[in-house]
Amino acid sequence: MADLDQQIEQARARLKDLQARASKQRRRDETRRKIIYGAAVLKLLEDSGGEKADRLLKLLQERITRDCDREFIGF
């Protein structure tokens, strides 16, 4: 019976480890996604001029609400 309890505990530990790895990978994926989207938006701002760039900047300014983020970006 003790052997079975030990196997159960080992399986629980492996499950917890796998869940932690999956969570860490999800965070990495989300960060990568944000970086890619951000780079794409910056490229759009560089490539489009005039009215399109102004509209895009206005949309970004409306959606970036954290004071520290707005200060960092220069809004």
C-alpha atoms as a PDB file:
ATOM      1  CA  MET A   1       0.000   0.000   0.000  1.00  0.00           C
ATOM      2  CA  ALA A   2       2.873   2.366   0.816  1.00  0.00           C
ATOM      3  CA  ASP A   3       4.313   1.723  -2.646  1.00  0.00           C
ATOM      4  CA  LEU A   4       1.010   2.721  -4.237  1.00  0.00           C
ATOM      5  CA  ASP A   5       0.845   5.902  -2.129  1.00  0.00           C
ATOM      6  CA  GLN A   6       4.376   6.767  -3.219  1.00  0.00           C
ATOM      7  CA  GLN A   7       3.453   6.267  -6.885  1.00  0.00           C
ATOM      8  CA  ILE A   8       0.428   8.510  -6.453  1.00  0.00           C
ATOM      9  CA  GLU A   9       2.551  11.251  -4.884  1.00  0.00           C
ATOM     10  CA  GLN A  10       5.119  10.968  -7.681  1.00  0.00           C
ATOM     11  CA  ALA A  11       2.362  11.225 -10.280  1.00  0.00           C
ATOM     12  CA  ARG A  12       0.964  14.305  -8.536  1.00  0.00           C
ATOM     13  CA  ALA A  13       4.424  15.888  -8.471  1.00  0.00           C
ATOM     14  CA  ARG A  14       4.889  15.170 -12.202  1.00  0.00           C
ATOM     15  CA  LEU A  15       1.457  16.645 -12.934  1.00  0.00           C
ATOM     16  CA  LYS A  16       2.274  19.779 -10.946  1.00  0.00           C
ATOM     17  CA  ASP A  17       5.583  20.122 -12.818  1.00  0.00           C
ATOM     18  CA  LEU A  18       3.881  19.689 -16.192  1.00  0.00           C
ATOM     19  CA  GLN A  19       1.246  22.270 -15.281  1.00  0.00           C
ATOM     20  CA  ALA A  20       3.956  24.745 -14.260  1.00  0.00           C
ATOM     21  CA  ARG A  21       5.805  24.171 -17.538  1.00  0.00           C
ATOM     22  CA  ALA A  22       2.615  24.673 -19.539  1.00  0.00           C
ATOM     23  CA  SER A  23       1.869  27.900 -17.679  1.00  0.00           C
ATOM     24  CA  LYS A  24       5.397  29.178 -18.283  1.00  0.00           C
ATOM     25  CA  GLN A  25       5.115  28.357 -22.002  1.00  0.00           C
ATOM     26  CA  ARG A  26       1.775  30.184 -22.230  1.00  0.00           C
ATOM     27  CA  ARG A  27       3.387  33.293 -20.717  1.00  0.00           C
ATOM     28  CA  ARG A  28       6.293  33.049 -23.162  1.00  0.00           C
ATOM     29  CA  ASP A  29       3.897  32.668 -26.076  1.00  0.00           C
ATOM     30  CA  GLU A  30       1.844  35.672 -24.958  1.00  0.00           C
ATOM     31  CA  THR A  31       4.977  37.803 -24.601  1.00  0.00           C
ATOM     32  CA  ARG A  32       6.174  36.748 -28.054  1.00  0.00           C
ATOM     33  CA  ARG A  33       2.749  37.533 -29.531  1.00  0.00           C
ATOM     34  CA  LYS A  34       2.820  41.026 -27.996  1.00  0.00           C
ATOM     35  CA  ILE A  35       6.308  41.681 -29.337  1.00  0.00           C
ATOM     36  CA  ILE A  36       5.327  40.573 -32.842  1.00  0.00           C
ATOM     37  CA  TYR A  37       2.151  42.677 -32.838  1.00  0.00           C
ATOM     38  CA  GLY A  38       4.067  45.659 -31.468  1.00  0.00           C
ATOM     39  CA  ALA A  39       6.718  45.367 -34.165  1.00  0.00           C
ATOM     40  CA  ALA A  40       4.011  45.142 -36.823  1.00  0.00           C
ATOM     41  CA  VAL A  41       2.289  48.276 -35.505  1.00  0.00           C
ATOM     42  CA  LEU A  42       5.593  50.175 -35.436  1.00  0.00           C
ATOM     43  CA  LYS A  43       6.246  49.126 -39.038  1.00  0.00           C
ATOM     44  CA  LEU A  44       2.765  50.320 -40.014  1.00  0.00           C
ATOM     45  CA  LEU A  45       3.473  53.682 -38.410  1.00  0.00           C
ATOM     46  CA  GLU A  46       6.761  53.970 -40.298  1.00  0.00           C
ATOM     47  CA  ASP A  47       5.301  52.920 -43.647  1.00  0.00           C
ATOM     48  CA  SER A  48       2.042  54.821 -43.573  1.00  0.00           C
ATOM     49  CA  GLY A  49       2.251  58.538 -43.496  1.00  0.00           C
ATOM     50  CA  GLY A  50      -0.007  61.431 -42.831  1.00  0.00           C
ATOM     51  CA  GLU A  51      -3.602  60.750 -41.973  1.00  0.00           C
ATOM     52  CA  LYS A  52      -3.282  56.967 -41.582  1.00  0.00           C
ATOM     53  CA  ALA A  53      -0.401  57.293 -39.134  1.00  0.00           C
ATOM     54  CA  ASP A  54      -2.257  59.998 -37.203  1.00  0.00           C
ATOM     55  CA  ARG A  55      -5.370  57.817 -36.886  1.00  0.00           C
ATOM     56  CA  LEU A  56      -3.335  54.827 -35.760  1.00  0.00           C
ATOM     57  CA  LEU A  57      -1.497  56.898 -33.164  1.00  0.00           C
ATOM     58  CA  LYS A  58      -4.810  58.265 -31.896  1.00  0.00           C
ATOM     59  CA  LEU A  59      -6.188  54.730 -31.529  1.00  0.00           C
ATOM     60  CA  LEU A  60      -3.085  53.665 -29.643  1.00  0.00           C
ATOM     61  CA  GLN A  61      -3.228  56.698 -27.358  1.00  0.00           C
ATOM     62  CA  GLU A  62      -6.835  55.888 -26.480  1.00  0.00           C
ATOM     63  CA  ARG A  63      -6.026  52.301 -25.597  1.00  0.00           C
ATOM     64  CA  ILE A  64      -2.796  52.749 -23.665  1.00  0.00           C
ATOM     65  CA  THR A  65      -4.161  53.741 -20.285  1.00  0.00           C
ATOM     66  CA  ARG A  66      -1.482  52.988 -17.695  1.00  0.00           C
ATOM     67  CA  ASP A  67       0.328  56.179 -16.737  1.00  0.00           C
ATOM     68  CA  CYS A  68       3.759  54.530 -16.654  1.00  0.00           C
ATOM     69  CA  ASP A  69       3.181  53.063 -20.144  1.00  0.00           C
ATOM     70  CA  ARG A  70       1.979  56.387 -21.529  1.00  0.00           C
ATOM     71  CA  GLU A  71       5.010  58.137 -20.063  1.00  0.00           C
ATOM     72  CA  PHE A  72       7.395  55.503 -21.453  1.00  0.00           C
ATOM     73  CA  ILE A  73       5.881  55.794 -24.960  1.00  0.00           C
ATOM     74  CA  GLY A  74       5.856  59.574 -24.762  1.00  0.00           C
ATOM     75  CA  PHE A  75       2.117  60.244 -24.825  1.00  0.00           C
END
